[in-house]
Every structure is written in C-alpha cells, then in structure tokens.
C-alpha cells in the first residue's frame, strides 16, 4: 500500500530532498559532476527520514570525502565562520 501525502507533506518532502542533494553537491561538486550530475545523484539515492542518502560504492564515497577535505583545507567550504 502506498503512503498518501497531503500537498503540504509532499512539498515538505520535496524541500527536504532539494536541501539534502544541494548539501551533498556543495561539498563535492566535482565528484557529483563526474558521476553524471545532481540528477544521477538523486537517482542513486534512497529516501530516509533524513532525506535522500546516496547509495555509492567505497571508491565513490572516498572521492567525495577527499574532495570535501581538500576544499575544506583550502577554505572553499564554509564551516560557519
């Protein structure tokens, strides 16, 4: 049986998806682009209570992590400062 959402709930879910995909893309934009972009990232994600979580292999997670760390180290990631 499929879950029926109100319009407000559907809009809230869409916003949750948008925010989470945007956060992932902003931390590793080159890796996301190499994977095929944000649409590919969305298709490879599974919805959880936190929003979409990409289903990636170890090598893909490692590339994302290394890109994030490199951007953070060189000041390209805003950490609230």
Protein backbone atom coordinates (compact mmCIF):
# COMPACT_ATOMS: atom_id res chain seq x y z
CA UNK A 1 0.00 0.00 0.00
CA UNK A 2 1.43 3.40 -0.93
CA UNK A 3 1.63 6.22 1.57
CA UNK A 4 -0.71 9.11 0.78
CA UNK A 5 0.69 12.57 1.47
CA UNK A 6 -1.09 15.86 1.77
CA UNK A 7 0.07 18.63 -0.54
CA UNK A 8 1.92 20.25 2.38
CA UNK A 9 3.65 16.97 3.25
CA UNK A 10 4.65 16.41 -0.38
CA UNK A 11 6.08 19.93 -0.59
CA UNK A 12 7.97 19.39 2.67
CA UNK A 13 9.45 16.13 1.31
CA UNK A 14 10.44 17.86 -1.93
CA UNK A 15 12.17 20.61 0.05
CA UNK A 16 13.95 18.01 2.20
CA UNK A 17 15.22 16.26 -0.94
CA UNK A 18 16.32 19.56 -2.51
CA UNK A 19 18.22 20.66 0.61
CA UNK A 20 19.99 17.32 1.10
CA UNK A 21 21.03 16.97 -2.56
CA UNK A 22 22.23 20.57 -2.52
CA UNK A 23 24.31 19.94 0.59
CA UNK A 24 25.93 16.87 -0.93
CA UNK A 25 26.60 18.65 -4.21
CA UNK A 26 28.10 21.68 -2.46
CA UNK A 27 30.58 19.56 -0.51
CA UNK A 28 31.86 17.61 -3.54
CA UNK A 29 30.71 19.35 -6.74
CA UNK A 30 33.41 17.86 -8.98
CA UNK A 31 32.68 14.32 -7.85
CA UNK A 32 28.93 14.80 -8.30
CA UNK A 33 29.55 16.23 -11.79
CA UNK A 34 31.79 13.27 -12.69
CA UNK A 35 29.03 10.89 -11.57
CA UNK A 36 26.63 12.50 -14.04
CA UNK A 37 25.35 15.43 -12.02
CA UNK A 38 22.68 16.05 -9.49
CA UNK A 39 20.01 14.07 -11.34
CA UNK A 40 22.21 10.97 -11.29
CA UNK A 41 22.90 11.55 -7.61
CA UNK A 42 19.16 11.72 -6.96
CA UNK A 43 18.50 8.50 -8.91
CA UNK A 44 21.23 6.73 -6.93
CA UNK A 45 19.81 7.85 -3.59
CA UNK A 46 17.43 6.13 -1.22
CA UNK A 47 14.96 8.17 0.80
CA UNK A 48 15.45 8.03 4.57
CA UNK A 49 13.97 10.02 7.45
CA UNK A 50 16.87 12.49 6.98
CA UNK A 51 16.35 12.83 3.26
CA UNK A 52 17.98 11.12 0.30
CA UNK A 53 21.14 9.14 1.05
CA UNK A 54 23.29 8.25 -1.96
CA UNK A 55 23.98 4.56 -2.48
CA UNK A 56 27.61 4.73 -3.56
CA UNK A 57 30.48 2.30 -3.53
CA UNK A 58 33.56 2.75 -1.32
CA UNK A 59 35.59 4.39 -4.10
CA UNK A 60 32.85 6.97 -4.79
CA UNK A 61 32.47 7.82 -1.09
CA UNK A 62 36.25 8.14 -0.85
CA UNK A 63 36.37 10.57 -3.81
CA UNK A 64 33.61 12.66 -2.24
CA UNK A 65 35.39 12.66 1.11
CA UNK A 66 38.76 13.59 -0.37
CA UNK A 67 37.21 16.42 -2.39
CA UNK A 68 35.41 17.72 0.69
CA UNK A 69 38.60 17.60 2.78
CA UNK A 70 40.61 19.29 0.03
CA UNK A 71 38.03 22.08 -0.30
CA UNK A 72 37.83 22.49 3.48
CA UNK A 73 41.61 22.61 3.83
CA UNK A 74 41.86 25.31 1.19
CA UNK A 75 38.99 27.39 2.52
CA UNK A 76 36.40 26.60 -0.17
CA UNK A 77 33.91 25.15 2.30
CA UNK A 78 32.05 27.48 4.63
CA UNK A 79 32.14 25.96 8.09
CA UNK A 80 30.11 28.71 9.74
CA UNK A 81 32.98 31.19 10.04
